[in-house]
Amino acid sequence: MSVLEVNGLKKVYTTRFGGNKVEALKNVNFTVENGEYVAIMGESGSGKTTLLNILAALDKPTAGCVKLDGKDMSEIKDSALSSFRRDNLGFVFQEFNLLDTFTIEDNIYLPLVLAGKSYSEMNVRLKPIAAKLGILDLLKKYPYEVSGGQKQRAAVARALITNPKIILADEPTGALDSKATDELLRLFGEINRNGQTVLMVTHSVKAASHTGRVLFIKDGEIFHQIYRGESTNEQLYQKISDTLTMLATGGENQ
């Protein structure tokens, strides 16, 4: 069953000076099945960020629609968008987006606090997630007291604690060293195997090689896609590298 449906998505911006129109997305169509782990890749300026912002209900398309669990997101009133995002989407960002004046625990609790949940419910939700992510002993620390990898695990916990329909990850390994990257990708794989749907925008071939499917976007359109099938991470890595080379040199997909 599709948890995310993207149909005929188009986004046109008008520049501030001169009124020139820039077509960031042309005709984007794809679906994400419940429990999938999907990466979106493409060169800078290809439309990845615009697409992610629309999927996150932070921007609206010029044409087309995005359906999350069958609900057309364009039909949600502006006044209800914040609660819709909080209840249905989990976010993991490159720069963690943790508040330094809050403990790790309070950072993770934040979306539930905003949703009006009781402390007892928040605590019940937090403990198994924190244990799974290996951050139980960090909960009373502040973000500036922990490493980048630990911050990102806290951000993943914050994304998971609302039981989201889908996690949207924006360059989640971009600010991590190789060891922390390996650990985060292992955790993402485990989270996905437990049934969580994950959609990740990334420049990292290594990160994408851990997913089940890779979509390539070029000039505002889905240009190509690769399914893992029986491929190992190493084999998928090579296929992704070959496709990115083709994109960069202007080749056509076969």
Protein backbone atom coordinates (compact mmCIF):
# COMPACT_ATOMS: atom_id res chain seq x y z
CA MET A 1 0.00 0.00 0.00
CA SER A 2 1.32 3.46 -0.91
CA VAL A 3 1.89 5.74 2.06
CA LEU A 4 3.07 8.58 -0.21
CA GLU A 5 1.79 9.43 -3.69
CA VAL A 6 3.29 12.23 -5.79
CA ASN A 7 1.33 13.00 -8.95
CA GLY A 8 2.19 15.53 -11.67
CA LEU A 9 4.10 17.75 -9.26
CA LYS A 10 5.17 21.10 -10.67
CA LYS A 11 6.71 24.11 -8.97
CA VAL A 12 7.36 27.45 -10.65
CA TYR A 13 9.03 30.35 -8.86
CA THR A 14 8.94 33.95 -10.03
CA THR A 15 12.19 35.78 -9.37
CA ARG A 16 12.00 38.97 -7.35
CA PHE A 17 13.69 41.13 -9.97
CA GLY A 18 12.62 40.98 -13.60
CA GLY A 19 9.75 38.59 -13.02
CA ASN A 20 11.54 35.65 -14.64
CA LYS A 21 9.94 32.27 -14.00
CA VAL A 22 12.06 29.37 -12.80
CA GLU A 23 10.64 25.86 -13.15
CA ALA A 24 12.08 24.00 -10.17
CA LEU A 25 9.91 20.90 -10.65
CA LYS A 26 8.40 19.94 -14.00
CA ASN A 27 6.39 16.73 -13.76
CA VAL A 28 7.36 14.60 -10.80
CA ASN A 29 5.55 11.30 -10.29
CA PHE A 30 6.40 8.51 -7.84
CA THR A 31 4.99 6.53 -4.94
CA VAL A 32 6.52 5.24 -1.73
CA GLU A 33 5.10 2.03 -0.32
CA ASN A 34 4.51 1.54 3.35
CA GLY A 35 7.75 0.26 4.92
CA GLU A 36 10.02 1.31 2.03
CA TYR A 37 13.43 2.94 2.43
CA VAL A 38 13.97 5.33 -0.48
CA ALA A 39 16.76 7.76 -1.36
CA ILE A 40 16.44 10.76 -3.66
CA MET A 41 19.63 11.92 -5.37
CA GLY A 42 20.61 14.55 -7.90
CA GLU A 43 23.04 17.38 -8.51
CA SER A 44 22.69 20.74 -6.77
CA GLY A 45 19.88 22.68 -8.40
CA SER A 46 18.10 19.54 -9.62
CA GLY A 47 15.01 20.20 -7.50
CA LYS A 48 15.67 17.90 -4.51
CA THR A 49 15.24 20.59 -1.86
CA THR A 50 12.11 21.99 -3.49
CA LEU A 51 10.64 18.50 -3.63
CA LEU A 52 11.47 17.82 0.02
CA ASN A 53 9.92 21.12 1.12
CA ILE A 54 6.69 20.24 -0.68
CA LEU A 55 6.65 16.72 0.78
CA ALA A 56 7.13 18.29 4.21
CA ALA A 57 4.19 20.66 3.63
CA LEU A 58 6.57 23.60 4.00
CA ASP A 59 5.82 24.73 0.43
CA LYS A 60 2.93 24.23 -1.96
CA PRO A 61 3.18 23.00 -5.56
CA THR A 62 2.13 25.10 -8.53
CA ALA A 63 0.35 22.05 -9.92
CA GLY A 64 -0.08 18.39 -9.06
CA CYS A 65 -0.63 16.89 -5.65
CA VAL A 66 1.00 15.00 -2.80
CA LYS A 67 -1.06 12.45 -0.88
CA LEU A 68 0.07 11.13 2.48
CA ASP A 69 -1.83 8.03 3.52
CA GLY A 70 -4.47 8.94 0.94
CA LYS A 71 -4.94 12.53 2.16
CA ASP A 72 -4.28 15.33 -0.32
CA MET A 73 -1.93 17.66 1.55
CA SER A 74 -2.99 20.66 -0.54
CA GLU A 75 -6.46 20.42 0.99
CA ILE A 76 -5.17 20.89 4.54
CA LYS A 77 -5.89 24.37 5.90
CA ASP A 78 -2.84 26.49 6.69
CA SER A 79 -3.96 26.68 10.32
CA ALA A 80 -3.83 22.87 10.57
CA LEU A 81 -0.53 22.29 8.74
CA SER A 82 1.72 22.46 11.80
CA SER A 83 -0.26 19.83 13.69
CA PHE A 84 -0.51 17.68 10.53
CA ARG A 85 3.28 17.72 10.12
CA ARG A 86 3.81 16.99 13.80
CA ASP A 87 1.38 14.06 13.82
CA ASN A 88 2.36 12.44 10.51
CA LEU A 89 5.92 13.36 9.58
CA GLY A 90 9.25 12.84 11.32
CA PHE A 91 12.21 15.02 10.33
CA VAL A 92 15.95 14.40 10.49
CA PHE A 93 18.16 17.28 9.33
CA GLN A 94 21.83 17.63 8.44
CA GLU A 95 22.45 20.13 11.23
CA PHE A 96 20.37 18.25 13.85
CA ASN A 97 18.18 21.29 14.74
CA LEU A 98 18.43 20.67 18.48
CA LEU A 99 17.88 23.47 21.00
CA ASP A 100 21.03 24.01 23.08
CA THR A 101 19.05 25.32 26.07
CA PHE A 102 17.06 22.04 26.26
CA THR A 103 18.39 18.71 27.45
CA ILE A 104 18.52 15.86 24.95
CA GLU A 105 15.42 14.44 26.66
CA ASP A 106 13.48 17.70 26.34
CA ASN A 107 14.52 18.07 22.70
CA ILE A 108 13.10 14.63 21.97
CA TYR A 109 9.92 15.39 23.91
CA LEU A 110 9.31 18.67 22.08
CA PRO A 111 6.87 17.46 19.37
CA LEU A 112 4.84 15.61 22.03
CA VAL A 113 4.80 18.67 24.29
CA LEU A 114 3.46 20.70 21.38
CA ALA A 115 0.84 18.01 20.81
CA GLY A 116 -0.29 18.30 24.44
CA LYS A 117 0.75 14.81 25.54
CA SER A 118 1.16 14.00 29.23
CA TYR A 119 4.60 13.50 30.77
CA SER A 120 3.79 9.88 31.62
CA GLU A 121 2.90 9.10 27.99
CA MET A 122 6.02 10.89 26.74
CA ASN A 123 8.19 8.93 29.15
CA VAL A 124 6.65 5.60 28.11
CA ARG A 125 7.30 6.42 24.45
CA LEU A 126 10.85 7.65 25.01
CA LYS A 127 12.43 4.79 26.96
CA PRO A 128 12.31 2.03 24.27
CA ILE A 129 13.37 4.46 21.52
CA ALA A 130 16.28 5.83 23.58
CA ALA A 131 17.37 2.29 24.44
CA LYS A 132 17.24 1.20 20.79
CA LEU A 133 19.29 4.23 19.73
CA GLY A 134 21.79 3.87 22.58
CA ILE A 135 21.20 7.30 24.14
CA LEU A 136 19.63 6.43 27.53
CA ASP A 137 22.72 7.73 29.34
CA LEU A 138 22.65 11.00 27.36
CA LEU A 139 19.11 12.13 28.10
CA LYS A 140 20.03 14.62 30.86
CA LYS A 141 22.93 16.10 28.89
CA TYR A 142 22.70 19.16 26.65
CA PRO A 143 23.43 19.09 22.89
CA TYR A 144 26.70 20.99 23.32
CA GLU A 145 27.93 18.22 25.64
CA VAL A 146 27.61 15.36 23.14
CA SER A 147 29.15 14.41 19.79
CA GLY A 148 27.68 14.98 16.33
CA GLY A 149 26.73 11.33 16.03
CA GLN A 150 24.97 11.43 19.40
CA LYS A 151 23.13 14.60 18.40
CA GLN A 152 21.91 12.91 15.24
CA ARG A 153 20.70 9.90 17.20
CA ALA A 154 18.76 12.29 19.44
CA ALA A 155 17.28 13.88 16.32
CA VAL A 156 16.26 10.44 15.05
CA ALA A 157 14.60 9.73 18.42
CA ARG A 158 12.70 13.03 18.15
CA ALA A 159 11.52 12.01 14.67
CA LEU A 160 10.42 8.54 15.83
CA ILE A 161 8.64 9.49 19.05
CA THR A 162 5.48 10.69 17.27
CA ASN A 163 5.09 7.36 15.42
CA PRO A 164 5.16 9.16 12.05
CA LYS A 165 3.75 7.79 8.80
CA ILE A 166 7.08 8.61 7.16
CA ILE A 167 10.48 9.98 8.16
CA LEU A 168 11.89 12.66 5.86
CA ALA A 169 15.66 12.84 6.20
CA ASP A 170 17.57 15.75 4.63
CA GLU A 171 21.28 14.93 4.19
CA PRO A 172 21.28 13.14 7.57
CA THR A 173 24.93 12.07 7.32
CA GLY A 174 26.18 15.40 5.94
CA ALA A 175 27.66 16.69 9.22
CA LEU A 176 28.94 13.35 10.53
CA ASP A 177 32.34 11.68 10.43
CA SER A 178 32.68 8.24 8.85
CA LYS A 179 32.20 6.31 12.11
CA ALA A 180 29.07 8.25 13.08
CA THR A 181 27.79 7.90 9.49
CA ASP A 182 28.17 4.11 9.64
CA GLU A 183 26.33 4.01 12.95
CA LEU A 184 23.48 6.23 11.73
CA LEU A 185 23.03 4.17 8.57
CA ARG A 186 22.94 1.00 10.65
CA LEU A 187 20.25 2.55 12.84
CA PHE A 188 18.21 3.72 9.86
CA GLY A 189 18.36 0.21 8.42
CA GLU A 190 17.19 -1.27 11.72
CA ILE A 191 14.39 1.28 12.05
CA ASN A 192 13.26 0.49 8.51
CA ARG A 193 13.35 -3.26 9.09
CA ASN A 194 11.04 -2.64 12.06
CA GLY A 195 8.51 -1.18 9.62
CA GLN A 196 9.27 2.55 9.55
CA THR A 197 9.00 4.19 6.11
CA VAL A 198 12.01 6.43 5.37
CA LEU A 199 12.58 8.90 2.52
CA MET A 200 16.08 10.36 2.45
CA VAL A 201 17.46 13.16 0.31
CA THR A 202 21.23 12.77 0.07
CA HIS A 203 24.37 13.51 -1.92
CA SER A 204 26.08 10.54 -0.29
CA VAL A 205 26.44 7.46 -2.47
CA LYS A 206 27.29 5.50 0.67
CA ALA A 207 24.06 6.56 2.41
CA ALA A 208 21.96 5.83 -0.68
CA SER A 209 23.55 2.38 -1.06
CA HIS A 210 21.89 1.33 2.21
CA THR A 211 18.37 2.00 0.92
CA GLY A 212 16.00 -0.23 -1.03
CA ARG A 213 15.41 2.13 -3.95
CA VAL A 214 17.12 5.22 -5.31
CA LEU A 215 15.32 7.92 -7.32
CA PHE A 216 17.44 10.28 -9.41
CA ILE A 217 16.12 13.76 -10.11
CA LYS A 218 17.47 15.89 -12.94
CA ASP A 219 16.24 19.29 -14.13
CA GLY A 220 13.12 19.01 -12.00
CA GLU A 221 12.05 15.54 -13.17
CA ILE A 222 12.56 11.95 -12.05
CA PHE A 223 15.20 10.81 -14.50
CA HIS A 224 15.89 7.24 -13.41
CA GLN A 225 15.49 4.83 -10.51
CA ILE A 226 17.35 1.81 -9.20
CA TYR A 227 15.88 -0.97 -7.09
CA ARG A 228 18.17 -2.88 -4.75
CA GLY A 229 16.79 -6.29 -5.67
CA GLU A 230 19.43 -8.85 -4.69
CA SER A 231 22.30 -6.33 -4.83
CA THR A 232 24.70 -5.97 -1.92
CA ASN A 233 25.48 -2.50 -0.58
CA GLU A 234 28.72 -2.57 -2.58
CA GLN A 235 26.95 -3.53 -5.81
CA LEU A 236 24.27 -0.88 -5.28
CA TYR A 237 27.01 1.66 -4.54
CA GLN A 238 28.55 0.96 -7.94
CA LYS A 239 25.21 1.21 -9.75
CA ILE A 240 24.49 4.55 -8.06
CA SER A 241 27.97 5.87 -8.92
CA ASP A 242 27.53 4.87 -12.56
CA THR A 243 24.15 6.61 -12.76
CA LEU A 244 25.49 9.81 -11.16
CA THR A 245 28.34 9.83 -13.68
CA MET A 246 25.78 9.48 -16.46
CA LEU A 247 23.78 12.38 -15.03
CA ALA A 248 26.85 14.58 -14.76
CA THR A 249 28.02 13.83 -18.31
CA GLY A 250 24.60 14.28 -19.87
CA GLY A 251 24.11 10.63 -20.83
CA GLU A 252 20.70 9.07 -21.29
CA ASN A 253 19.34 6.39 -18.98
CA GLN A 254 18.89 2.99 -20.54
